[in-house]
Amino acid sequence: MWYRLAPAATAVLAVSLLAAPSAAAGQPGGQSIGDPYFPHDGNTGYQVDNYALDLAYQPGADQLSGTATISATATQDLSSFSFDFGLTASAVTVNSESAEFKDQDNKLIITPKVDLPAQKPMTVVVTYSGVPSKVRMYGEQAWFASADGASSVAEPHYAAFWFPCNDHPSDKATWSASVSVPDGTTAITNGKLVSSEKSGDKVVWKWSSAQPLATYNSFMAIGRFTMKNTTAADGRTFIRAYSQSLSETEKKNATSSIEQTPDVLAWESGLFGPYPFDIEGGVAVDAGSVNDAEEYQTKPVYSNVFKDGKDFGDVVHENAHQWFGDAVSPKSWQDIWLNEGFAQYTEWLWQEHEGTKPASKLADEDYKSHDSGDSFWKTPPGDPGAAGLLDDPVYERGAMTLQALRSTVGDDTFFDILKHRVSDNMYSNESTSEFIALAEKISNKSLKPLFDTWLYAKERPANPPSQGMRLG
């Protein structure tokens, strides 16, 4: 992604030998998943298995309504639980029975009629509505409406602007969405297109994703699009869409760039292992003044990045995230460099592949562009803080870290590490410490000095990344 937007307690029951056993009393689920940067995010007491959205959207009025059916498994005996949510719920059922609920500080807190037992499935249906562009969470706007549609932003915690969810990357789930919009309007989201059927003056677009996704990798793009749904040379379904509001020049640039996605993915598959999803694609939206490119699972979304010409860099970067961020997601937001450093380094690898410059030279040039007094070095990519989550050091210094690793362990070992990072954690999550342990295992080297220097020190490393590091 690249954008610049502004205990459970355990009840211990004493029972006599003659008494019938009693079930443990349910306890409320937690309203924080414990992320070190965003302690308000996420919820505990359950794990989501699937989100199924059935929505209707009215452009112009920016009115969204419908239901979210959330299939989950309780991880403790639950008396109540919560979702992250910014719109207004009007009804909630849990396992087909009406439940009490309340909105509190962007949390939808739900109290079922009976306690929910641990390790049992539960189905929660939330009926809701609202105007997403008027929602403000964390002081931000993350849904951008126009006269004929809307587009969403989700990273790091903005999926809750438009559907109730456990909004943290550590809880991944499968996905489907049905969206009714006026005839002539297209509604696009993650996964494959199941159907597009006209119903009166409406069209219902149905999408589904068989592979689990993190909530921040979900998206919605609604508007007047020219959409192509074909089979690429690699055999996968290739879905791309271009907003009809784009200028002719921007549409031409977007088309020439996004249409190269299968070629980019074929090259990236050679580096990182097989492409992890059954759908590939891209969406060029017109989101006003928002300059953004995001790695939404199966279809990166590009806004205003093609105005000045073709931009293969963004296509390479966002599709690298299909492996690094989407298939393998960070365990916490402190691990964000595992997304952005890898995608930035993939851009350098692309230039190396194209014969422009070796990645090592690009890394060294970036290193030399920031002298020792530059504040750039004060943000360690391994712990950038919430305020520095998407700042340049996370991308650039994160990428320099990978070049330093490559220069230290050699190409064969380096690319073996990248492939195992994906295959060993497919559709799951990984932390920085786990990545370091993997790199040490495969390289048979103690790499702590290298990662301490490049990921955590708040000063410029003594040598450029191409020199690697001598390890004892």
Protein backbone atom coordinates (compact mmCIF):
# COMPACT_ATOMS: atom_id res chain seq x y z
CA MET A 1 0.00 0.00 0.00
CA TRP A 2 1.03 3.58 -0.57
CA TYR A 3 -1.12 6.48 0.51
CA ARG A 4 -0.84 9.88 2.13
CA LEU A 5 -4.07 10.61 3.96
CA ALA A 6 -3.94 13.05 6.18
CA PRO A 7 -8.91 -12.45 30.05
CA ALA A 8 -11.17 -13.83 29.85
CA ALA A 9 -11.52 -14.77 33.54
CA THR A 10 -11.86 -18.45 34.25
CA ALA A 11 -14.65 -19.34 36.63
CA VAL A 12 -13.66 -22.08 39.05
CA LEU A 13 -16.68 -23.92 40.40
CA ALA A 14 -16.57 -25.99 43.57
CA VAL A 15 -18.90 -28.95 43.21
CA SER A 16 -19.58 -31.89 45.47
CA LEU A 17 -19.14 -35.40 44.23
CA LEU A 18 -22.92 -35.82 44.27
CA ALA A 19 -23.74 -32.56 42.51
CA ALA A 20 -24.41 -32.40 38.79
CA PRO A 21 -21.65 -30.58 36.90
CA SER A 22 -22.36 -26.92 36.14
CA ALA A 23 -21.32 -24.99 33.07
CA ALA A 24 -18.85 -22.17 33.56
CA ALA A 25 -20.50 -18.76 33.62
CA GLY A 26 -19.97 -16.75 30.46
CA GLN A 27 -17.77 -13.67 30.59
CA PRO A 28 -17.73 -10.62 28.31
CA GLY A 29 -15.34 -10.73 25.40
CA GLY A 30 -12.64 -8.10 25.40
CA GLN A 31 -13.04 -4.87 23.42
CA SER A 32 -9.36 -4.77 22.43
CA ILE A 33 -7.29 -7.38 20.66
CA GLY A 34 -4.20 -5.91 22.31
CA ASP A 35 -2.42 -4.30 19.37
CA PRO A 36 0.48 -2.21 20.74
CA TYR A 37 -0.21 0.67 18.35
CA PHE A 38 -4.00 0.69 18.22
CA PRO A 39 -5.32 -0.64 21.55
CA HIS A 40 -8.91 0.27 20.59
CA ASP A 41 -8.86 -2.09 17.61
CA GLY A 42 -10.26 -5.58 17.50
CA ASN A 43 -12.14 -7.73 19.97
CA THR A 44 -11.60 -11.01 21.76
CA GLY A 45 -13.76 -13.98 22.74
CA TYR A 46 -14.33 -15.26 19.22
CA GLN A 47 -12.68 -15.89 15.86
CA VAL A 48 -14.52 -14.88 12.69
CA ASP A 49 -14.89 -17.60 10.06
CA ASN A 50 -16.88 -15.78 7.36
CA TYR A 51 -18.41 -12.39 6.55
CA ALA A 52 -21.47 -12.41 4.27
CA LEU A 53 -22.75 -8.95 3.37
CA ASP A 54 -26.11 -8.26 1.72
CA LEU A 55 -26.16 -4.54 0.98
CA ALA A 56 -27.92 -1.83 -0.97
CA TYR A 57 -26.27 1.46 -1.89
CA GLN A 58 -27.76 4.67 -3.22
CA PRO A 59 -25.19 6.94 -4.90
CA GLY A 60 -25.55 10.66 -4.42
CA ALA A 61 -27.29 10.23 -1.08
CA ASP A 62 -24.41 7.95 -0.01
CA GLN A 63 -26.93 5.75 1.77
CA LEU A 64 -25.76 2.23 2.64
CA SER A 65 -28.08 -0.34 4.20
CA GLY A 66 -28.37 -4.07 4.59
CA THR A 67 -27.24 -6.95 6.74
CA ALA A 68 -23.97 -8.53 7.73
CA THR A 69 -24.09 -12.23 8.58
CA ILE A 70 -20.99 -13.06 10.58
CA SER A 71 -20.13 -16.70 11.21
CA ALA A 72 -17.70 -17.11 14.09
CA THR A 73 -16.44 -19.54 16.70
CA ALA A 74 -16.43 -18.59 20.37
CA THR A 75 -13.02 -18.96 21.97
CA GLN A 76 -14.40 -18.68 25.50
CA ASP A 77 -17.75 -18.90 27.25
CA LEU A 78 -19.30 -15.58 26.23
CA SER A 79 -21.93 -13.50 27.95
CA SER A 80 -21.38 -10.61 25.51
CA PHE A 81 -19.02 -9.63 22.71
CA SER A 82 -18.36 -6.74 20.36
CA PHE A 83 -17.51 -5.71 16.83
CA ASP A 84 -15.77 -2.62 15.52
CA PHE A 85 -18.42 -0.55 13.71
CA GLY A 86 -19.11 3.03 12.65
CA LEU A 87 -22.64 2.93 11.21
CA THR A 88 -25.99 2.40 12.98
CA ALA A 89 -27.39 -1.03 13.80
CA SER A 90 -31.18 -1.42 13.96
CA ALA A 91 -31.43 -5.13 14.81
CA VAL A 92 -29.14 -7.98 15.88
CA THR A 93 -29.76 -11.69 16.14
CA VAL A 94 -27.42 -14.33 17.58
CA ASN A 95 -28.14 -17.89 16.49
CA SER A 96 -31.53 -16.71 15.13
CA GLU A 97 -32.61 -15.14 18.44
CA SER A 98 -32.93 -11.39 19.01
CA ALA A 99 -30.09 -9.96 21.06
CA GLU A 100 -29.59 -6.77 22.99
CA PHE A 101 -27.04 -4.36 21.54
CA LYS A 102 -25.65 -0.88 21.96
CA ASP A 103 -23.23 1.44 20.19
CA GLN A 104 -20.39 2.69 22.33
CA ASP A 105 -17.24 4.43 21.10
CA ASN A 106 -17.31 2.80 17.64
CA LYS A 107 -18.00 -0.61 19.15
CA LEU A 108 -21.20 -2.59 18.61
CA ILE A 109 -21.65 -4.43 21.92
CA ILE A 110 -23.96 -7.45 21.71
CA THR A 111 -25.54 -9.40 24.58
CA PRO A 112 -27.19 -12.65 23.46
CA LYS A 113 -30.19 -14.09 25.32
CA VAL A 114 -28.13 -17.04 26.52
CA ASP A 115 -24.40 -17.37 27.07
CA LEU A 116 -22.45 -18.78 24.17
CA PRO A 117 -20.28 -21.83 24.91
CA ALA A 118 -16.61 -21.92 24.05
CA GLN A 119 -15.50 -23.72 20.88
CA LYS A 120 -19.01 -23.62 19.44
CA PRO A 121 -20.05 -21.84 16.24
CA MET A 122 -22.24 -18.77 16.38
CA THR A 123 -24.06 -16.82 13.69
CA VAL A 124 -24.61 -13.12 14.19
CA VAL A 125 -26.82 -11.07 11.86
CA VAL A 126 -26.57 -7.29 12.08
CA THR A 127 -29.08 -5.11 10.23
CA TYR A 128 -27.72 -1.61 9.74
CA SER A 129 -27.68 1.58 7.70
CA GLY A 130 -26.00 4.96 7.50
CA VAL A 131 -24.02 7.46 5.46
CA PRO A 132 -20.44 6.14 5.44
CA SER A 133 -18.83 9.41 4.28
CA LYS A 134 -20.13 11.10 7.44
CA VAL A 135 -18.53 8.53 9.73
CA ARG A 136 -15.49 9.70 11.66
CA MET A 137 -13.39 7.14 13.46
CA TYR A 138 -9.95 7.95 14.82
CA GLY A 139 -10.46 11.45 13.40
CA GLU A 140 -10.34 10.13 9.83
CA GLN A 141 -12.60 9.80 6.82
CA ALA A 142 -12.23 6.51 4.98
CA TRP A 143 -15.22 6.40 2.62
CA PHE A 144 -15.24 8.83 -0.29
CA ALA A 145 -18.56 9.45 -2.02
CA SER A 146 -19.24 11.05 -5.40
CA ALA A 147 -22.38 11.79 -7.37
CA ASP A 148 -22.40 8.33 -8.92
CA GLY A 149 -20.60 6.12 -6.41
CA ALA A 150 -18.05 5.69 -3.65
CA SER A 151 -14.73 4.09 -2.79
CA SER A 152 -13.40 2.86 0.54
CA VAL A 153 -10.05 2.97 2.33
CA ALA A 154 -9.39 0.21 4.85
CA GLU A 155 -5.81 0.32 6.19
CA PRO A 156 -5.15 0.20 9.06
CA HIS A 157 -8.58 0.08 10.75
CA TYR A 158 -11.22 1.52 8.47
CA ALA A 159 -13.21 -1.51 7.31
CA ALA A 160 -15.48 -0.79 10.29
CA PHE A 161 -16.66 2.34 8.45
CA TRP A 162 -19.00 0.21 6.37
CA PHE A 163 -19.49 -3.22 7.97
CA PRO A 164 -19.30 -4.66 11.52
CA CYS A 165 -16.12 -6.65 11.92
CA ASN A 166 -13.22 -7.72 14.08
CA ASP A 167 -11.02 -5.06 12.53
CA HIS A 168 -7.51 -6.36 13.05
CA PRO A 169 -5.28 -8.33 10.66
CA SER A 170 -4.82 -11.18 13.12
CA ASP A 171 -8.45 -12.32 12.59
CA LYS A 172 -8.81 -13.37 8.94
CA ALA A 173 -12.00 -14.80 7.42
CA THR A 174 -13.55 -15.79 4.11
CA TRP A 175 -15.86 -13.32 2.44
CA SER A 176 -18.89 -12.76 0.25
CA ALA A 177 -20.82 -9.63 -0.65
CA SER A 178 -24.04 -8.92 -2.51
CA VAL A 179 -24.55 -5.25 -3.40
CA SER A 180 -27.67 -3.76 -4.99
CA VAL A 181 -27.07 -0.51 -6.88
CA PRO A 182 -28.97 1.48 -9.54
CA ASP A 183 -28.94 0.05 -13.05
CA GLY A 184 -25.87 1.32 -14.91
CA THR A 185 -23.79 1.31 -11.72
CA THR A 186 -21.13 -1.27 -10.89
CA ALA A 187 -20.28 -2.52 -7.39
CA ILE A 188 -16.85 -4.18 -7.06
CA THR A 189 -15.28 -5.89 -4.08
CA ASN A 190 -12.86 -8.73 -3.31
CA GLY A 191 -12.81 -12.15 -4.94
CA LYS A 192 -14.58 -13.62 -7.93
CA LEU A 193 -17.71 -12.28 -9.60
CA VAL A 194 -20.44 -14.79 -8.83
CA SER A 195 -23.22 -13.00 -10.72
CA SER A 196 -24.56 -9.66 -11.91
CA GLU A 197 -28.33 -9.68 -12.26
CA LYS A 198 -30.80 -6.93 -13.06
CA SER A 199 -33.81 -6.61 -10.76
CA GLY A 200 -36.17 -3.82 -11.83
CA ASP A 201 -34.20 -0.59 -11.85
CA LYS A 202 -31.40 -2.18 -9.79
CA VAL A 203 -28.47 -4.47 -10.48
CA VAL A 204 -27.27 -6.93 -7.83
CA TRP A 205 -23.56 -7.69 -7.91
CA LYS A 206 -22.42 -10.80 -6.02
CA TRP A 207 -18.80 -11.51 -5.13
CA SER A 208 -17.04 -14.14 -3.02
CA SER A 209 -13.55 -14.98 -1.79
CA ALA A 210 -12.68 -18.57 -0.91
CA GLN A 211 -9.35 -17.59 0.65
CA PRO A 212 -9.45 -15.77 4.00
CA LEU A 213 -8.67 -12.07 4.08
CA ALA A 214 -7.79 -9.54 6.74
CA THR A 215 -10.42 -6.84 7.15
CA TYR A 216 -7.99 -4.12 6.07
CA ASN A 217 -7.70 -5.92 2.73
CA SER A 218 -11.43 -5.62 2.02
CA PHE A 219 -12.74 -2.86 -0.23
CA MET A 220 -15.76 -1.47 -2.00
CA ALA A 221 -15.73 0.52 -5.23
CA ILE A 222 -19.07 1.70 -6.62
CA GLY A 223 -19.64 3.80 -9.72
CA ARG A 224 -19.77 3.78 -13.48
CA PHE A 225 -16.98 1.47 -14.61
CA THR A 226 -15.88 -0.19 -17.77
CA MET A 227 -15.20 -3.70 -16.48
CA LYS A 228 -13.41 -6.58 -18.18
CA ASN A 229 -13.72 -10.14 -16.86
CA THR A 230 -11.55 -12.51 -18.89
CA THR A 231 -9.18 -15.45 -18.49
CA ALA A 232 -5.51 -14.51 -18.48
CA ALA A 233 -2.76 -16.57 -20.11
CA ASP A 234 -1.97 -18.05 -16.68
CA GLY A 235 -5.49 -19.54 -16.56
CA ARG A 236 -6.79 -17.33 -13.76
CA THR A 237 -9.76 -15.00 -13.99
CA PHE A 238 -8.50 -11.49 -14.66
CA ILE A 239 -10.89 -8.74 -13.53
CA ARG A 240 -10.12 -5.09 -14.11
CA ALA A 241 -12.30 -2.02 -14.05
CA TYR A 242 -11.75 1.57 -15.12
CA SER A 243 -13.86 4.45 -13.87
CA GLN A 244 -15.67 6.22 -16.67
CA SER A 245 -14.92 9.50 -14.87
CA LEU A 246 -11.21 9.22 -15.68
CA SER A 247 -9.81 11.55 -18.29
CA GLU A 248 -8.87 9.95 -21.60
CA THR A 249 -5.19 10.31 -20.79
CA GLU A 250 -5.54 8.83 -17.32
CA LYS A 251 -7.68 5.96 -18.59
CA LYS A 252 -5.12 5.20 -21.31
CA ASN A 253 -2.28 5.21 -18.76
CA ALA A 254 -4.27 3.13 -16.27
CA THR A 255 -5.21 0.59 -18.92
CA SER A 256 -1.69 0.17 -20.26
CA SER A 257 -0.41 -0.35 -16.71
CA ILE A 258 -3.10 -2.56 -15.17
CA GLU A 259 -3.36 -4.77 -18.26
CA GLN A 260 0.25 -5.83 -17.53
CA THR A 261 -0.82 -7.36 -14.19
CA PRO A 262 -0.59 -11.00 -15.38
CA ASP A 263 2.98 -10.42 -16.57
CA VAL A 264 3.92 -8.78 -13.27
CA LEU A 265 2.36 -11.63 -11.30
CA ALA A 266 4.16 -14.25 -13.40
CA TRP A 267 7.49 -12.58 -12.63
CA GLU A 268 6.66 -12.18 -8.93
CA SER A 269 5.58 -15.83 -8.75
CA GLY A 270 9.07 -16.79 -9.85
CA LEU A 271 10.49 -14.92 -6.86
CA PHE A 272 7.96 -15.62 -4.11
CA GLY A 273 6.21 -18.85 -5.10
CA PRO A 274 2.81 -19.46 -6.75
CA TYR A 275 0.31 -16.59 -6.78
CA PRO A 276 -1.85 -17.27 -3.71
CA PHE A 277 -5.34 -16.45 -5.06
CA ASP A 278 -7.68 -17.60 -7.82
CA ILE A 279 -8.51 -14.08 -9.03
CA GLU A 280 -6.19 -11.31 -10.19
CA GLY A 281 -6.96 -7.80 -11.33
CA GLY A 282 -7.03 -4.10 -10.61
CA VAL A 283 -9.43 -1.17 -10.33
CA ALA A 284 -8.77 2.42 -11.38
CA VAL A 285 -11.12 4.72 -9.46
CA ASP A 286 -11.80 8.44 -9.47
CA ALA A 287 -11.70 9.37 -5.77
CA GLY A 288 -11.44 13.13 -6.16
CA SER A 289 -8.28 14.51 -4.61
CA VAL A 290 -7.29 11.24 -2.93
CA ASN A 291 -3.93 10.02 -4.24
CA ASP A 292 -3.79 6.39 -3.27
CA ALA A 293 -2.90 2.87 -4.27
CA GLU A 294 -3.90 -0.02 -2.03
CA GLU A 295 -3.27 -3.74 -2.08
CA TYR A 296 -6.83 -5.00 -1.70
CA GLN A 297 -6.83 -8.76 -1.91
CA THR A 298 -7.21 -10.00 -5.52
CA LYS A 299 -7.73 -6.47 -6.92
CA PRO A 300 -5.46 -3.55 -6.03
CA VAL A 301 -7.23 -0.20 -6.30
CA TYR A 302 -5.49 2.80 -7.85
CA SER A 303 -6.66 6.39 -7.43
CA ASN A 304 -4.96 9.28 -9.22
CA VAL A 305 -1.68 7.41 -9.69
CA PHE A 306 -1.87 7.33 -13.49
CA LYS A 307 -2.40 11.03 -14.17
CA ASP A 308 1.22 11.66 -15.10
CA GLY A 309 1.84 8.53 -17.11
CA LYS A 310 2.17 4.77 -16.88
CA ASP A 311 3.02 3.59 -13.38
CA PHE A 312 4.33 0.05 -13.34
CA GLY A 313 5.88 0.81 -9.94
CA ASP A 314 2.47 0.91 -8.27
CA VAL A 315 1.31 -2.20 -10.13
CA VAL A 316 4.46 -4.07 -9.04
CA HIS A 317 4.21 -2.74 -5.47
CA GLU A 318 0.53 -3.48 -4.84
CA ASN A 319 0.67 -6.91 -6.42
CA ALA A 320 3.72 -7.81 -4.32
CA HIS A 321 1.38 -7.26 -1.39
CA GLN A 322 -0.76 -10.15 -2.62
CA TRP A 323 2.00 -12.29 -1.08
CA PHE A 324 3.33 -9.87 1.56
CA GLY A 325 0.36 -8.44 3.44
CA ASP A 326 -2.55 -10.35 1.92
CA ALA A 327 -1.63 -14.04 1.83
CA VAL A 328 0.68 -13.49 4.83
CA SER A 329 -0.53 -10.66 7.04
CA PRO A 330 1.20 -8.97 9.98
CA LYS A 331 0.40 -10.21 13.48
CA SER A 332 0.32 -6.65 14.75
CA TRP A 333 0.68 -3.23 13.17
CA GLN A 334 4.20 -2.97 14.60
CA ASP A 335 5.10 -5.55 11.94
CA ILE A 336 4.03 -3.27 9.07
CA TRP A 337 7.52 -3.27 7.50
CA LEU A 338 6.89 -6.92 6.61
CA ASN A 339 4.34 -5.52 4.17
CA GLU A 340 5.80 -2.26 2.97
CA GLY A 341 9.53 -3.00 3.07
CA PHE A 342 8.95 -6.13 1.00
CA ALA A 343 6.73 -4.36 -1.54
CA GLN A 344 9.22 -1.49 -1.86
CA TYR A 345 12.07 -3.93 -2.35
CA THR A 346 10.03 -5.70 -5.03
CA GLU A 347 9.94 -2.40 -6.95
CA TRP A 348 13.75 -2.35 -6.83
CA LEU A 349 13.85 -5.98 -7.95
CA TRP A 350 11.60 -5.06 -10.88
CA GLN A 351 14.03 -2.36 -11.98
CA GLU A 352 16.83 -4.91 -11.67
CA HIS A 353 14.76 -7.34 -13.78
CA GLU A 354 14.13 -4.65 -16.39
CA GLY A 355 17.84 -3.86 -16.59
CA THR A 356 17.49 -0.33 -15.22
CA LYS A 357 19.66 -0.68 -12.10
CA PRO A 358 20.51 -3.49 -9.68
CA ALA A 359 18.46 -3.48 -6.50
CA SER A 360 21.72 -3.15 -4.55
CA LYS A 361 22.53 0.11 -6.33
CA LEU A 362 19.03 1.49 -5.77
CA ALA A 363 19.28 0.60 -2.08
CA ASP A 364 22.66 2.30 -1.78
CA GLU A 365 21.42 5.40 -3.57
CA ASP A 366 18.52 5.62 -1.13
CA TYR A 367 20.93 5.14 1.78
CA LYS A 368 23.24 7.89 0.50
CA SER A 369 20.35 10.31 -0.03
CA HIS A 370 19.84 10.45 3.77
CA ASP A 371 22.87 11.70 5.67
CA SER A 372 23.52 10.80 9.30
CA GLY A 373 21.71 13.90 10.56
CA ASP A 374 18.55 13.19 8.58
CA SER A 375 15.47 12.59 10.73
CA PHE A 376 14.73 9.69 8.36
CA TRP A 377 16.95 7.51 10.56
CA LYS A 378 15.00 8.36 13.73
CA THR A 379 12.09 6.15 12.68
CA PRO A 380 13.07 2.48 13.01
CA PRO A 381 10.99 0.42 10.57
CA GLY A 382 10.75 -2.48 13.04
CA ASP A 383 8.99 -0.20 15.52
CA PRO A 384 7.85 3.00 13.77
CA GLY A 385 5.05 3.82 16.21
CA ALA A 386 1.43 4.45 15.25
CA ALA A 387 2.24 7.95 13.98
CA GLY A 388 5.00 6.63 11.71
CA LEU A 389 3.12 3.58 10.46
CA LEU A 390 3.21 4.55 6.79
CA ASP A 391 6.15 6.92 6.76
CA ASP A 392 9.03 6.67 4.28
CA PRO A 393 11.46 4.77 6.58
CA VAL A 394 9.02 1.86 6.85
CA TYR A 395 9.13 1.48 3.08
CA GLU A 396 12.66 2.55 2.20
CA ARG A 397 14.65 1.49 5.24
CA GLY A 398 12.57 -1.67 5.35
CA ALA A 399 13.66 -2.37 1.77
CA MET A 400 17.28 -1.52 2.63
CA THR A 401 17.04 -4.13 5.40
CA LEU A 402 16.19 -6.75 2.81
CA GLN A 403 19.10 -5.72 0.60
CA ALA A 404 21.43 -5.92 3.61
CA LEU A 405 20.07 -9.40 4.31
CA ARG A 406 20.51 -10.43 0.68
CA SER A 407 24.07 -9.09 0.61
CA THR A 408 24.84 -11.01 3.82
CA VAL A 409 23.35 -14.44 3.05
CA GLY A 410 23.60 -14.53 -0.76
CA ASP A 411 20.95 -14.66 -3.46
CA ASP A 412 20.02 -18.35 -3.27
CA THR A 413 19.46 -18.26 0.48
CA PHE A 414 17.74 -14.87 0.35
CA PHE A 415 15.11 -15.91 -2.18
CA ASP A 416 14.64 -19.23 -0.39
CA ILE A 417 13.78 -17.22 2.73
CA LEU A 418 11.21 -15.16 0.81
CA LYS A 419 9.51 -18.24 -0.62
CA HIS A 420 9.38 -19.98 2.75
CA ARG A 421 8.01 -16.85 4.37
CA VAL A 422 4.96 -17.24 2.15
CA SER A 423 4.60 -21.03 2.01
CA ASP A 424 5.12 -21.49 5.76
CA ASN A 425 2.50 -18.86 6.68
CA MET A 426 -0.02 -19.04 3.84
CA TYR A 427 -3.36 -17.34 4.67
CA SER A 428 -2.10 -16.71 8.17
CA ASN A 429 -0.04 -14.12 10.05
CA GLU A 430 3.62 -13.56 10.86
CA SER A 431 5.56 -11.34 13.26
CA THR A 432 8.97 -9.76 12.76
CA SER A 433 10.52 -12.05 15.34
CA GLU A 434 9.16 -15.07 13.46
CA PHE A 435 10.58 -13.76 10.19
CA ILE A 436 14.00 -13.26 11.78
CA ALA A 437 13.87 -16.79 13.20
CA LEU A 438 13.04 -18.15 9.74
CA ALA A 439 15.89 -16.21 8.14
CA GLU A 440 18.33 -17.52 10.77
CA LYS A 441 17.14 -21.10 10.32
CA ILE A 442 17.47 -21.09 6.55
CA SER A 443 20.76 -19.16 6.45
CA ASN A 444 22.23 -20.96 9.47
CA LYS A 445 23.49 -17.58 10.68
CA SER A 446 22.84 -15.47 13.76
CA LEU A 447 21.27 -12.38 12.18
CA LYS A 448 20.35 -10.39 15.28
CA PRO A 449 23.10 -7.76 14.74
CA LEU A 450 21.90 -7.17 11.19
CA PHE A 451 18.25 -6.72 12.10
CA ASP A 452 19.07 -4.66 15.20
CA THR A 453 21.06 -2.29 12.99
CA TRP A 454 18.64 -1.96 10.11
CA LEU A 455 15.26 -2.39 11.79
CA TYR A 456 15.63 -0.95 15.28
CA ALA A 457 18.59 1.44 15.64
CA LYS A 458 17.68 5.12 15.51
CA GLU A 459 20.79 6.08 13.61
CA ARG A 460 22.27 5.63 10.18
CA PRO A 461 24.01 2.26 9.73
CA ALA A 462 27.76 2.61 9.25
CA ASN A 463 27.80 0.89 5.85
CA PRO A 464 25.37 0.92 2.91
CA PRO A 465 23.07 -2.10 2.47
CA SER A 466 24.99 -3.55 -0.49
CA GLN A 467 27.91 -4.32 1.83
CA GLY A 468 25.84 -6.57 4.03
CA MET A 469 27.29 -7.40 7.42
CA ARG A 470 30.12 -9.55 8.66
CA LEU A 471 28.70 -11.88 11.27
CA GLY A 472 30.68 -13.70 13.91
